[in-house]
C-alpha atoms as a PDB file:
ATOM      1  CA  MET A   1      31.875  -0.379 -21.656  1.00  0.00           C
ATOM      2  CA  GLU A   2      28.690  -2.616 -21.306  1.00  0.00           C
ATOM      3  CA  ASP A   3      29.099  -5.596 -19.414  1.00  0.00           C
ATOM      4  CA  GLY A   4      26.374  -7.821 -20.927  1.00  0.00           C
ATOM      5  CA  THR A   5      24.093  -7.461 -18.109  1.00  0.00           C
ATOM      6  CA  PRO A   6      20.513  -7.167 -18.858  1.00  0.00           C
ATOM      7  CA  LYS A   7      19.078  -3.861 -18.201  1.00  0.00           C
ATOM      8  CA  SER A   8      15.889  -2.821 -17.661  1.00  0.00           C
ATOM      9  CA  PRO A   9      13.518  -1.373 -20.444  1.00  0.00           C
ATOM     10  CA  MET A  10      12.803   1.476 -18.255  1.00  0.00           C
ATOM     11  CA  ALA A  11      16.573   2.131 -18.065  1.00  0.00           C
ATOM     12  CA  GLU A  12      16.942   6.214 -18.151  1.00  0.00           C
ATOM     13  CA  THR A  13      19.484   7.585 -20.666  1.00  0.00           C
ATOM     14  CA  SER A  14      22.054   9.932 -19.700  1.00  0.00           C
ATOM     15  CA  CYS A  15      19.954  13.010 -21.427  1.00  0.00           C
ATOM     16  CA  LYS A  16      17.085  12.141 -19.149  1.00  0.00           C
ATOM     17  CA  ILE A  17      18.921  12.217 -16.075  1.00  0.00           C
ATOM     18  CA  ILE A  18      20.673  15.476 -16.825  1.00  0.00           C
ATOM     19  CA  ARG A  19      17.317  17.220 -17.771  1.00  0.00           C
ATOM     20  CA  ARG A  20      15.910  15.991 -14.459  1.00  0.00           C
ATOM     21  CA  SER A  21      18.956  17.140 -12.659  1.00  0.00           C
ATOM     22  CA  VAL A  22      18.807  20.675 -13.927  1.00  0.00           C
ATOM     23  CA  TYR A  23      15.029  20.692 -13.352  1.00  0.00           C
ATOM     24  CA  THR A  24      15.914  19.840  -9.675  1.00  0.00           C
ATOM     25  CA  PHE A  25      18.777  22.489  -9.654  1.00  0.00           C
ATOM     26  CA  LEU A  26      16.298  25.192 -11.125  1.00  0.00           C
ATOM     27  CA  GLN A  27      13.336  23.870  -8.936  1.00  0.00           C
ATOM     28  CA  ARG A  28      15.144  24.646  -5.602  1.00  0.00           C
ATOM     29  CA  TYR A  29      17.580  27.369  -7.195  1.00  0.00           C
ATOM     30  CA  HIS A  30      17.561  29.603  -4.140  1.00  0.00           C
ATOM     31  CA  TYR A  31      18.895  26.946  -2.102  1.00  0.00           C
ATOM     32  CA  PHE A  32      21.142  25.589  -4.273  1.00  0.00           C
ATOM     33  CA  THR A  33      22.679  28.632  -5.403  1.00  0.00           C
ATOM     34  CA  SER A  34      22.769  30.346  -1.931  1.00  0.00           C
ATOM     35  CA  ALA A  35      23.742  27.929   0.828  1.00  0.00           C
ATOM     36  CA  ALA A  36      24.926  24.613  -0.961  1.00  0.00           C
ATOM     37  CA  ALA A  37      27.011  26.951  -3.207  1.00  0.00           C
ATOM     38  CA  LEU A  38      28.602  29.209  -0.501  1.00  0.00           C
ATOM     39  CA  LEU A  39      29.433  25.967   1.514  1.00  0.00           C
ATOM     40  CA  ALA A  40      31.464  24.748  -1.427  1.00  0.00           C
ATOM     41  CA  PHE A  41      33.317  28.171  -2.103  1.00  0.00           C
ATOM     42  CA  PRO A  42      36.313  27.892   0.073  1.00  0.00           C
ATOM     43  CA  PHE A  43      36.730  24.205  -1.626  1.00  0.00           C
ATOM     44  CA  SER A  44      36.627  26.028  -4.944  1.00  0.00           C
ATOM     45  CA  VAL A  45      38.797  28.768  -4.268  1.00  0.00           C
ATOM     46  CA  SER A  46      41.601  25.989  -2.880  1.00  0.00           C
ATOM     47  CA  VAL A  47      41.266  24.080  -5.843  1.00  0.00           C
ATOM     48  CA  LEU A  48      41.893  27.179  -8.294  1.00  0.00           C
ATOM     49  CA  LEU A  49      44.446  28.702  -6.428  1.00  0.00           C
ATOM     50  CA  SER A  50      46.417  25.544  -6.033  1.00  0.00           C
ATOM     51  CA  GLN A  51      46.460  25.056  -9.695  1.00  0.00           C
ATOM     52  CA  ALA A  52      47.452  28.574 -10.284  1.00  0.00           C
ATOM     53  CA  TYR A  53      50.100  28.218  -7.436  1.00  0.00           C
ATOM     54  CA  VAL A  54      52.661  26.199  -9.353  1.00  0.00           C
ATOM     55  CA  PRO A  55      55.806  28.215  -9.125  1.00  0.00           C
ATOM     56  CA  SER A  56      59.407  26.904  -9.475  1.00  0.00           C
ATOM     57  CA  SER A  57      60.454  28.339  -6.347  1.00  0.00           C
ATOM     58  CA  SER A  58      58.276  25.911  -4.216  1.00  0.00           C
ATOM     59  CA  THR A  59      60.112  22.957  -2.768  1.00  0.00           C
ATOM     60  CA  LEU A  60      57.143  20.569  -2.480  1.00  0.00           C
ATOM     61  CA  LEU A  61      56.453  20.431  -6.501  1.00  0.00           C
ATOM     62  CA  PRO A  62      59.848  19.851  -7.488  1.00  0.00           C
ATOM     63  CA  THR A  63      60.225  17.220  -4.424  1.00  0.00           C
ATOM     64  CA  ILE A  64      57.180  15.101  -5.703  1.00  0.00           C
ATOM     65  CA  TYR A  65      58.506  15.366  -9.471  1.00  0.00           C
ATOM     66  CA  ASN A  66      62.153  14.238  -8.679  1.00  0.00           C
ATOM     67  CA  ARG A  67      60.625  11.230  -6.708  1.00  0.00           C
ATOM     68  CA  LEU A  68      58.351  10.044  -9.143  1.00  0.00           C
ATOM     69  CA  ARG A  69      61.153  10.372 -11.998  1.00  0.00           C
ATOM     70  CA  THR A  70      63.563   8.260  -9.529  1.00  0.00           C
ATOM     71  CA  LEU A  71      60.473   5.748  -9.270  1.00  0.00           C
ATOM     72  CA  PHE A  72      60.153   5.431 -13.019  1.00  0.00           C
ATOM     73  CA  ASP A  73      63.559   5.280 -13.392  1.00  0.00           C
ATOM     74  CA  ALA A  74      64.226   2.394 -11.191  1.00  0.00           C
ATOM     75  CA  ALA A  75      61.138   0.648 -12.671  1.00  0.00           C
ATOM     76  CA  GLY A  76      62.690   0.447 -15.815  1.00  0.00           C
ATOM     77  CA  PHE A  77      60.428   2.869 -17.799  1.00  0.00           C
ATOM     78  CA  PRO A  78      62.234   4.464 -20.938  1.00  0.00           C
ATOM     79  CA  SER A  79      63.206   8.246 -19.755  1.00  0.00           C
ATOM     80  CA  SER A  80      63.287   9.446 -23.261  1.00  0.00           C
ATOM     81  CA  LEU A  81      59.614   8.721 -23.741  1.00  0.00           C
ATOM     82  CA  GLU A  82      57.615  12.091 -23.596  1.00  0.00           C
ATOM     83  CA  PHE A  83      54.629  10.024 -22.511  1.00  0.00           C
ATOM     84  CA  PHE A  84      56.165   9.576 -18.998  1.00  0.00           C
ATOM     85  CA  THR A  85      57.454  12.957 -18.677  1.00  0.00           C
ATOM     86  CA  VAL A  86      53.847  14.380 -19.428  1.00  0.00           C
ATOM     87  CA  LEU A  87      52.533  11.532 -16.906  1.00  0.00           C
ATOM     88  CA  ASN A  88      55.085  12.418 -14.218  1.00  0.00           C
ATOM     89  CA  GLN A  89      54.294  16.290 -14.517  1.00  0.00           C
ATOM     90  CA  LYS A  90      50.536  15.615 -14.221  1.00  0.00           C
ATOM     91  CA  LEU A  91      50.808  13.316 -11.412  1.00  0.00           C
ATOM     92  CA  SER A  92      53.005  15.941  -9.685  1.00  0.00           C
ATOM     93  CA  GLU A  93      50.584  18.605  -9.982  1.00  0.00           C
ATOM     94  CA  THR A  94      47.599  16.476  -8.983  1.00  0.00           C
ATOM     95  CA  ILE A  95      49.539  15.269  -5.898  1.00  0.00           C
ATOM     96  CA  PHE A  96      50.531  18.932  -4.852  1.00  0.00           C
ATOM     97  CA  SER A  97      47.145  20.233  -5.336  1.00  0.00           C
ATOM     98  CA  SER A  98      45.628  17.526  -3.563  1.00  0.00           C
ATOM     99  CA  ILE A  99      47.808  18.121  -0.639  1.00  0.00           C
ATOM    100  CA  LEU A 100      47.029  21.978  -0.649  1.00  0.00           C
ATOM    101  CA  THR A 101      43.409  21.400  -0.763  1.00  0.00           C
ATOM    102  CA  LEU A 102      42.863  18.657   1.578  1.00  0.00           C
ATOM    103  CA  PRO A 103      41.817  20.332   4.411  1.00  0.00           C
ATOM    104  CA  PHE A 104      39.015  22.363   2.632  1.00  0.00           C
ATOM    105  CA  THR A 105      38.071  18.902   0.870  1.00  0.00           C
ATOM    106  CA  LEU A 106      37.805  17.129   4.257  1.00  0.00           C
ATOM    107  CA  THR A 107      35.671  19.792   5.533  1.00  0.00           C
ATOM    108  CA  PHE A 108      33.418  22.197   3.033  1.00  0.00           C
ATOM    109  CA  LEU A 109      33.294  19.738   0.044  1.00  0.00           C
ATOM    110  CA  LEU A 110      32.028  16.830   2.264  1.00  0.00           C
ATOM    111  CA  ILE A 111      29.666  18.992   4.271  1.00  0.00           C
ATOM    112  CA  THR A 112      28.345  20.380   0.570  1.00  0.00           C
ATOM    113  CA  LYS A 113      27.777  17.056  -0.301  1.00  0.00           C
ATOM    114  CA  ALA A 114      26.002  15.706   2.785  1.00  0.00           C
ATOM    115  CA  SER A 115      23.554  19.078   2.634  1.00  0.00           C
ATOM    116  CA  ILE A 116      22.770  18.107  -1.035  1.00  0.00           C
ATOM    117  CA  ILE A 117      22.302  14.660  -0.248  1.00  0.00           C
ATOM    118  CA  GLN A 118      20.165  14.881   2.625  1.00  0.00           C
ATOM    119  CA  ALA A 119      18.101  17.607   0.833  1.00  0.00           C
ATOM    120  CA  LEU A 120      17.587  15.130  -2.069  1.00  0.00           C
ATOM    121  CA  LYS A 121      17.565  12.088   0.050  1.00  0.00           C
ATOM    122  CA  GLN A 122      13.526  11.295   0.279  1.00  0.00           C
ATOM    123  CA  ASN A 123      11.058  11.133  -2.322  1.00  0.00           C
ATOM    124  CA  LYS A 124       9.896  14.125  -1.414  1.00  0.00           C
ATOM    125  CA  PRO A 125      12.943  16.478  -0.611  1.00  0.00           C
ATOM    126  CA  THR A 126      13.255  18.774   2.054  1.00  0.00           C
ATOM    127  CA  PHE A 127      14.615  22.208   1.882  1.00  0.00           C
ATOM    128  CA  PRO A 128      16.721  23.501   3.607  1.00  0.00           C
ATOM    129  CA  PRO A 129      17.657  20.493   5.396  1.00  0.00           C
ATOM    130  CA  THR A 130      18.581  20.831   9.227  1.00  0.00           C
ATOM    131  CA  PHE A 131      22.266  21.261  10.050  1.00  0.00           C
ATOM    132  CA  SER A 132      22.100  18.476  12.543  1.00  0.00           C
ATOM    133  CA  SER A 133      20.484  16.136   9.655  1.00  0.00           C
ATOM    134  CA  VAL A 134      23.426  17.002   7.691  1.00  0.00           C
ATOM    135  CA  LEU A 135      26.239  16.595  10.211  1.00  0.00           C
ATOM    136  CA  THR A 136      24.825  12.886  10.588  1.00  0.00           C
ATOM    137  CA  LEU A 137      26.120  12.007   7.096  1.00  0.00           C
ATOM    138  CA  TYR A 138      29.557  13.783   7.498  1.00  0.00           C
ATOM    139  CA  ASN A 139      31.128  10.680   9.165  1.00  0.00           C
ATOM    140  CA  PRO A 140      29.938   8.228   6.510  1.00  0.00           C
ATOM    141  CA  LEU A 141      30.901  10.344   3.826  1.00  0.00           C
ATOM    142  CA  LEU A 142      34.292  10.928   5.418  1.00  0.00           C
ATOM    143  CA  LEU A 143      35.085   7.321   5.832  1.00  0.00           C
ATOM    144  CA  THR A 144      33.893   6.682   2.380  1.00  0.00           C
ATOM    145  CA  HIS A 145      36.270   9.534   0.838  1.00  0.00           C
ATOM    146  CA  PHE A 146      39.275   7.821   2.750  1.00  0.00           C
ATOM    147  CA  CYS A 147      38.319   4.452   0.873  1.00  0.00           C
ATOM    148  CA  ASN A 148      38.048   6.222  -2.475  1.00  0.00           C
ATOM    149  CA  SER A 149      41.256   7.544  -1.993  1.00  0.00           C
ATOM    150  CA  LEU A 150      42.695   4.235  -1.404  1.00  0.00           C
ATOM    151  CA  LEU A 151      40.875   2.791  -4.596  1.00  0.00           C
ATOM    152  CA  ILE A 152      42.495   5.833  -6.658  1.00  0.00           C
ATOM    153  CA  LEU A 153      45.858   4.748  -5.332  1.00  0.00           C
ATOM    154  CA  SER A 154      45.264   1.247  -6.157  1.00  0.00           C
ATOM    155  CA  ALA A 155      43.966   2.077  -9.570  1.00  0.00           C
ATOM    156  CA  ASN A 156      47.235   4.136 -10.499  1.00  0.00           C
ATOM    157  CA  ALA A 157      49.497   1.230  -8.881  1.00  0.00           C
ATOM    158  CA  THR A 158      47.588  -1.277 -10.846  1.00  0.00           C
ATOM    159  CA  LEU A 159      48.193   0.664 -14.145  1.00  0.00           C
ATOM    160  CA  PHE A 160      52.030   1.268 -13.103  1.00  0.00           C
ATOM    161  CA  PHE A 161      52.245  -2.765 -12.686  1.00  0.00           C
ATOM    162  CA  LEU A 162      50.768  -3.193 -15.978  1.00  0.00           C
ATOM    163  CA  LEU A 163      52.912  -0.713 -17.942  1.00  0.00           C
ATOM    164  CA  PHE A 164      55.971  -2.082 -15.872  1.00  0.00           C
ATOM    165  CA  PHE A 165      55.014  -5.508 -16.874  1.00  0.00           C
ATOM    166  CA  ALA A 166      54.607  -4.472 -20.704  1.00  0.00           C
ATOM    167  CA  PHE A 167      57.610  -2.314 -21.030  1.00  0.00           C
ATOM    168  CA  ASN A 168      60.072  -4.896 -19.407  1.00  0.00           C
ATOM    169  CA  CYS A 169      58.651  -7.607 -21.369  1.00  0.00           C
ATOM    170  CA  PHE A 170      59.182  -5.892 -24.692  1.00  0.00           C
ATOM    171  CA  GLN A 171      62.647  -4.845 -24.184  1.00  0.00           C
ATOM    172  CA  GLY A 172      63.297  -8.183 -22.560  1.00  0.00           C
ATOM    173  CA  PHE A 173      62.461  -9.826 -25.981  1.00  0.00           C
ATOM    174  CA  GLY A 174      64.498  -7.166 -27.991  1.00  0.00           C
ATOM    175  CA  PHE A 175      61.453  -4.921 -29.189  1.00  0.00           C
ATOM    176  CA  SER A 176      63.078  -1.747 -28.073  1.00  0.00           C
ATOM    177  CA  SER A 177      62.245   0.226 -31.622  1.00  0.00           C
ATOM    178  CA  PRO A 178      61.051   3.952 -30.900  1.00  0.00           C
ATOM    179  CA  ASN A 179      57.879   3.257 -33.080  1.00  0.00           C
ATOM    180  CA  LEU A 180      56.813   0.265 -30.998  1.00  0.00           C
ATOM    181  CA  LEU A 181      57.636   2.222 -27.742  1.00  0.00           C
ATOM    182  CA  LEU A 182      55.867   5.070 -28.853  1.00  0.00           C
ATOM    183  CA  LEU A 183      52.738   2.632 -29.844  1.00  0.00           C
ATOM    184  CA  LEU A 184      52.784   1.242 -26.538  1.00  0.00           C
ATOM    185  CA  SER A 185      53.008   4.540 -24.897  1.00  0.00           C
ATOM    186  CA  ALA A 186      49.762   5.544 -26.603  1.00  0.00           C
ATOM    187  CA  ALA A 187      48.045   2.321 -25.501  1.00  0.00           C
ATOM    188  CA  GLY A 188      49.124   3.164 -22.091  1.00  0.00           C
ATOM    189  CA  ALA A 189      47.663   6.279 -22.035  1.00  0.00           C
ATOM    190  CA  VAL A 190      44.434   5.053 -23.332  1.00  0.00           C
ATOM    191  CA  LEU A 191      44.525   2.309 -20.610  1.00  0.00           C
ATOM    192  CA  TYR A 192      45.139   4.797 -17.914  1.00  0.00           C
ATOM    193  CA  SER A 193      42.270   7.099 -18.911  1.00  0.00           C
ATOM    194  CA  ILE A 194      39.835   4.076 -18.953  1.00  0.00           C
ATOM    195  CA  ILE A 195      40.878   2.835 -15.548  1.00  0.00           C
ATOM    196  CA  LEU A 196      40.998   6.124 -13.923  1.00  0.00           C
ATOM    197  CA  ALA A 197      37.707   7.226 -15.481  1.00  0.00           C
ATOM    198  CA  ASN A 198      35.969   4.088 -14.394  1.00  0.00           C
ATOM    199  CA  ALA A 199      37.550   4.504 -10.586  1.00  0.00           C
ATOM    200  CA  LEU A 200      36.315   8.159 -10.595  1.00  0.00           C
ATOM    201  CA  ILE A 201      32.836   7.375 -11.640  1.00  0.00           C
ATOM    202  CA  VAL A 202      32.302   4.683  -8.913  1.00  0.00           C
ATOM    203  CA  CYS A 203      33.978   6.892  -6.214  1.00  0.00           C
ATOM    204  CA  ASN A 204      31.626   9.635  -7.131  1.00  0.00           C
ATOM    205  CA  LEU A 205      28.600   6.966  -6.924  1.00  0.00           C
ATOM    206  CA  ALA A 206      30.023   5.588  -3.587  1.00  0.00           C
ATOM    207  CA  MET A 207      30.020   8.881  -2.032  1.00  0.00           C
ATOM    208  CA  VAL A 208      26.173   9.296  -2.943  1.00  0.00           C
ATOM    209  CA  VAL A 209      25.366   5.436  -1.725  1.00  0.00           C
ATOM    210  CA  SER A 210      27.111   6.519   1.431  1.00  0.00           C
ATOM    211  CA  GLY A 211      24.712   9.638   2.219  1.00  0.00           C
ATOM    212  CA  MET A 212      21.542   8.021   0.933  1.00  0.00           C
ATOM    213  CA  GLU A 213      22.134   5.082   3.033  1.00  0.00           C
ATOM    214  CA  ARG A 214      23.901   6.290   5.953  1.00  0.00           C
ATOM    215  CA  CYS A 215      26.932   3.803   5.671  1.00  0.00           C
ATOM    216  CA  GLY A 216      30.625   4.385   4.934  1.00  0.00           C
ATOM    217  CA  GLY A 217      33.507   2.300   3.873  1.00  0.00           C
ATOM    218  CA  TYR A 218      34.310  -0.215   1.283  1.00  0.00           C
ATOM    219  CA  MET A 219      30.919  -1.545   1.181  1.00  0.00           C
ATOM    220  CA  THR A 220      29.765   1.666  -0.256  1.00  0.00           C
ATOM    221  CA  ILE A 221      32.250   0.834  -3.077  1.00  0.00           C
ATOM    222  CA  LEU A 222      30.993  -2.651  -3.499  1.00  0.00           C
ATOM    223  CA  LYS A 223      27.364  -1.187  -3.597  1.00  0.00           C
ATOM    224  CA  ALA A 224      28.256   1.310  -6.262  1.00  0.00           C
ATOM    225  CA  CYS A 225      29.785  -1.426  -8.529  1.00  0.00           C
ATOM    226  CA  VAL A 226      26.704  -3.291  -8.238  1.00  0.00           C
ATOM    227  CA  LEU A 227      24.647  -0.455  -8.995  1.00  0.00           C
ATOM    228  CA  MET A 228      26.372   0.723 -12.136  1.00  0.00           C
ATOM    229  CA  ARG A 229      26.663  -2.997 -13.703  1.00  0.00           C
ATOM    230  CA  GLY A 230      25.337  -2.409 -17.264  1.00  0.00           C
ATOM    231  CA  ARG A 231      25.426   1.416 -16.977  1.00  0.00           C
ATOM    232  CA  THR A 232      29.014   2.243 -17.048  1.00  0.00           C
ATOM    233  CA  SER A 233      28.884   3.927 -20.538  1.00  0.00           C
ATOM    234  CA  THR A 234      25.516   6.052 -18.843  1.00  0.00           C
ATOM    235  CA  ALA A 235      27.804   7.161 -16.019  1.00  0.00           C
ATOM    236  CA  LEU A 236      30.760   8.292 -18.091  1.00  0.00           C
ATOM    237  CA  SER A 237      28.454  10.305 -20.366  1.00  0.00           C
ATOM    238  CA  LEU A 238      27.087  11.966 -17.081  1.00  0.00           C
ATOM    239  CA  ALA A 239      30.191  12.635 -15.950  1.00  0.00           C
ATOM    240  CA  LEU A 240      31.998  14.031 -19.024  1.00  0.00           C
ATOM    241  CA  PRO A 241      29.880  17.192 -19.327  1.00  0.00           C
ATOM    242  CA  ILE A 242      30.379  18.127 -15.726  1.00  0.00           C
ATOM    243  CA  ASN A 243      34.056  17.350 -15.655  1.00  0.00           C
ATOM    244  CA  MET A 244      34.514  19.500 -18.903  1.00  0.00           C
ATOM    245  CA  ALA A 245      32.675  22.359 -17.450  1.00  0.00           C
ATOM    246  CA  LEU A 246      34.876  22.379 -14.440  1.00  0.00           C
ATOM    247  CA  ALA A 247      37.971  22.316 -16.436  1.00  0.00           C
ATOM    248  CA  ALA A 248      36.664  25.070 -18.526  1.00  0.00           C
ATOM    249  CA  VAL A 249      36.082  27.160 -15.428  1.00  0.00           C
ATOM    250  CA  GLU A 250      39.661  26.351 -14.338  1.00  0.00           C
ATOM    251  CA  ALA A 251      41.173  27.483 -17.838  1.00  0.00           C
ATOM    252  CA  LEU A 252      39.070  30.459 -17.377  1.00  0.00           C
ATOM    253  CA  PHE A 253      40.646  31.441 -14.125  1.00  0.00           C
ATOM    254  CA  GLN A 254      44.115  30.564 -15.521  1.00  0.00           C
ATOM    255  CA  TYR A 255      43.339  33.086 -18.636  1.00  0.00           C
ATOM    256  CA  ARG A 256      41.617  35.923 -16.674  1.00  0.00           C
ATOM    257  CA  ILE A 257      43.143  35.834 -13.462  1.00  0.00           C
ATOM    258  CA  VAL A 258      46.661  34.038 -13.199  1.00  0.00           C
ATOM    259  CA  ARG A 259      47.712  35.343 -16.589  1.00  0.00           C
ATOM    260  CA  ALA A 260      46.649  38.916 -15.842  1.00  0.00           C
ATOM    261  CA  TYR A 261      48.315  39.033 -12.472  1.00  0.00           C
ATOM    262  CA  HIS A 262      51.621  37.886 -14.243  1.00  0.00           C
ATOM    263  CA  PHE A 263      51.536  40.741 -16.749  1.00  0.00           C
ATOM    264  CA  ALA A 264      50.585  43.499 -14.315  1.00  0.00           C
ATOM    265  CA  GLU A 265      52.335  42.154 -11.608  1.00  0.00           C
ATOM    266  CA  LYS A 266      49.622  43.564  -8.947  1.00  0.00           C
ATOM    267  CA  LEU A 267      46.027  42.373  -8.168  1.00  0.00           C
ATOM    268  CA  GLY A 268      43.707  44.946  -8.780  1.00  0.00           C
ATOM    269  CA  LEU A 269      40.124  45.278  -7.141  1.00  0.00           C
ATOM    270  CA  SER A 270      38.538  44.366 -10.627  1.00  0.00           C
ATOM    271  CA  MET A 271      40.630  41.155 -10.580  1.00  0.00           C
ATOM    272  CA  VAL A 272      39.601  39.997  -7.184  1.00  0.00           C
ATOM    273  CA  PHE A 273      36.041  40.530  -7.990  1.00  0.00           C
ATOM    274  CA  GLU A 274      36.362  38.495 -11.218  1.00  0.00           C
ATOM    275  CA  GLY A 275      38.186  36.053  -9.369  1.00  0.00           C
ATOM    276  CA  ILE A 276      35.582  35.617  -6.654  1.00  0.00           C
ATOM    277  CA  PHE A 277      32.939  35.217  -9.494  1.00  0.00           C
ATOM    278  CA  ILE A 278      34.819  32.428 -11.136  1.00  0.00           C
ATOM    279  CA  ALA A 279      35.168  30.821  -8.036  1.00  0.00           C
ATOM    280  CA  TYR A 280      31.470  30.944  -7.352  1.00  0.00           C
ATOM    281  CA  LEU A 281      30.766  29.396 -10.780  1.00  0.00           C
ATOM    282  CA  TYR A 282      33.110  26.506  -9.900  1.00  0.00           C
ATOM    283  CA  SER A 283      30.901  25.804  -6.800  1.00  0.00           C
ATOM    284  CA  ILE A 284      27.778  25.863  -9.029  1.00  0.00           C
ATOM    285  CA  PHE A 285      29.294  23.087 -11.075  1.00  0.00           C
ATOM    286  CA  VAL A 286      30.309  21.102  -7.791  1.00  0.00           C
ATOM    287  CA  VAL A 287      26.798  21.660  -6.604  1.00  0.00           C
ATOM    288  CA  LEU A 288      25.514  20.249 -10.232  1.00  0.00           C
ATOM    289  CA  ASP A 289      27.931  17.405 -10.116  1.00  0.00           C
ATOM    290  CA  THR A 290      26.400  16.071  -6.537  1.00  0.00           C
ATOM    291  CA  ILE A 291      22.685  16.499  -8.083  1.00  0.00           C
ATOM    292  CA  VAL A 292      23.598  14.812 -11.165  1.00  0.00           C
ATOM    293  CA  ASN A 293      25.094  11.663  -9.053  1.00  0.00           C
ATOM    294  CA  CYS A 294      22.095  11.660  -6.834  1.00  0.00           C
ATOM    295  CA  MET A 295      19.631  11.683  -9.628  1.00  0.00           C
ATOM    296  CA  PHE A 296      21.778   8.998 -11.152  1.00  0.00           C
ATOM    297  CA  PHE A 297      21.783   6.723  -7.866  1.00  0.00           C
ATOM    298  CA  LYS A 298      18.037   7.196  -7.881  1.00  0.00           C
ATOM    299  CA  SER A 299      17.579   6.013 -11.568  1.00  0.00           C
ATOM    300  CA  CYS A 300      19.747   2.920 -10.708  1.00  0.00           C
ATOM    301  CA  LYS A 301      18.008   2.148  -7.397  1.00  0.00           C
ATOM    302  CA  THR A 302      14.678   2.694  -9.665  1.00  0.00           C
ATOM    303  CA  ASP A 303      16.027   0.199 -12.588  1.00  0.00           C
ATOM    304  CA  SER A 304      17.349  -2.533  -9.942  1.00  0.00           C
ATOM    305  CA  ALA A 305      13.957  -2.581  -8.146  1.00  0.00           C
ATOM    306  CA  SER A 306      11.808  -2.851 -11.359  1.00  0.00           C
ATOM    307  CA  LEU A 307      14.187  -5.363 -12.748  1.00  0.00           C
ATOM    308  CA  SER A 308      14.311  -7.790  -9.742  1.00  0.00           C
ATOM    309  CA  CYS A 309      10.339  -7.423  -9.388  1.00  0.00           C
ATOM    310  CA  SER A 310       9.905  -8.266 -13.025  1.00  0.00           C
ATOM    311  CA  VAL A 311      12.224 -11.357 -12.735  1.00  0.00           C
ATOM    312  CA  GLU A 312      10.555 -12.486  -9.796  1.00  0.00           C
ATOM    313  CA  ILE A 313       6.956 -12.296 -11.400  1.00  0.00           C
ATOM    314  CA  ALA A 314       8.166 -13.995 -14.618  1.00  0.00           C
ATOM    315  CA  GLU A 315       9.692 -16.949 -12.315  1.00  0.00           C
ATOM    316  CA  VAL A 316       6.197 -17.425 -10.679  1.00  0.00           C
ATOM    317  CA  GLU A 317       3.926 -17.221 -13.933  1.00  0.00           C
ATOM    318  CA  GLY A 318       5.851 -19.292 -16.328  1.00  0.00           C
ATOM    319  CA  ASP A 319       4.859 -18.961 -19.852  1.00  0.00           C
ATOM    320  CA  HIS A 320       2.860 -15.876 -19.212  1.00  0.00           C
ATOM    321  CA  GLY A 321       5.878 -14.261 -17.546  1.00  0.00           C
ATOM    322  CA  TYR A 322       6.669 -12.134 -20.393  1.00  0.00           C
ATOM    323  CA  ALA A 323       3.228 -10.207 -20.840  1.00  0.00           C
ATOM    324  CA  ILE A 324       3.104  -9.892 -16.891  1.00  0.00           C
ATOM    325  CA  LEU A 325       6.633  -8.503 -17.034  1.00  0.00           C
ATOM    326  CA  ARG A 326       5.978  -5.671 -19.365  1.00  0.00           C
ATOM    327  CA  THR A 327       2.513  -4.638 -17.603  1.00  0.00           C
ATOM    328  CA  LYS A 328       4.464  -4.602 -14.413  1.00  0.00           C
ATOM    329  CA  GLU A 329       7.249  -2.439 -15.583  1.00  0.00           C
ATOM    330  CA  GLU A 330       4.618   0.174 -16.991  1.00  0.00           C
ATOM    331  CA  LEU A 331       3.227   0.526 -13.650  1.00  0.00           C
ATOM    332  CA  ILE A 332       6.359   1.666 -12.171  1.00  0.00           C
ATOM    333  CA  PRO A 333       6.799   5.264 -11.888  1.00  0.00           C
END
């Protein structure tokens, strides 16, 4: 969704950013596939196992599900609609998985992001980054992660308020036909996807801003929003392939490991090695996701600098501003 903000003629497309990210990954292949991927490995294992471990005997997941169902019923949402049943189930599983993976997220994932951002921070990246330099980025990333969590909660709360207002208004005016409620549910699903997707890409960019500029908190979220002006569609197109790849790895783990374990009712040595390989593959995509976000940040910074510089020249030179604008932008690397 473009917001009408003028973009620099040199703005990079998503394909160029992805190619540059893959080139950066291959250029330092040994570091990204060894140190960085191994740092992310415990987080990847926790994510895959948390999504596989959704048993009916667990007391935490049914408790979350019942609490959310009670909240939806109290808000006046139609309990007969399948949309809210699916939404409740997905939210319960997401909260359940987030609770189980929280210790690994706050340690291994943040350290992995810090090591990658530190390695790509300068114009001439340094490999491998020192451990002390990586730790200096941990506190800003941790603070930004907590602010991102509040942003995600706020986005969900905003959506639920809009759905609550819409459903109660329609029912208050007597519009309660099943077809209308189904149409409203479909519109709510689309709105939920848009709001959550935009919140997630802002959070991802905010983490990179926090590491690149060594600042944490809500200011990084504001800076990420400013950098993304006019480039939301590019950010979404960058996030889509990585998230599809992560979802494919999760589905592969469910099919090859979880499904086989339920059939055999035992964990063989071959299944263990296959599970380790799938978790390592998940770690590689986590590393790639961070690299892509770093390249997107650098692209946004370059475009912002070139655009502001061009506007300043145009204001000084008057009628000759357009010709100088083009010449200046052609010289920027």
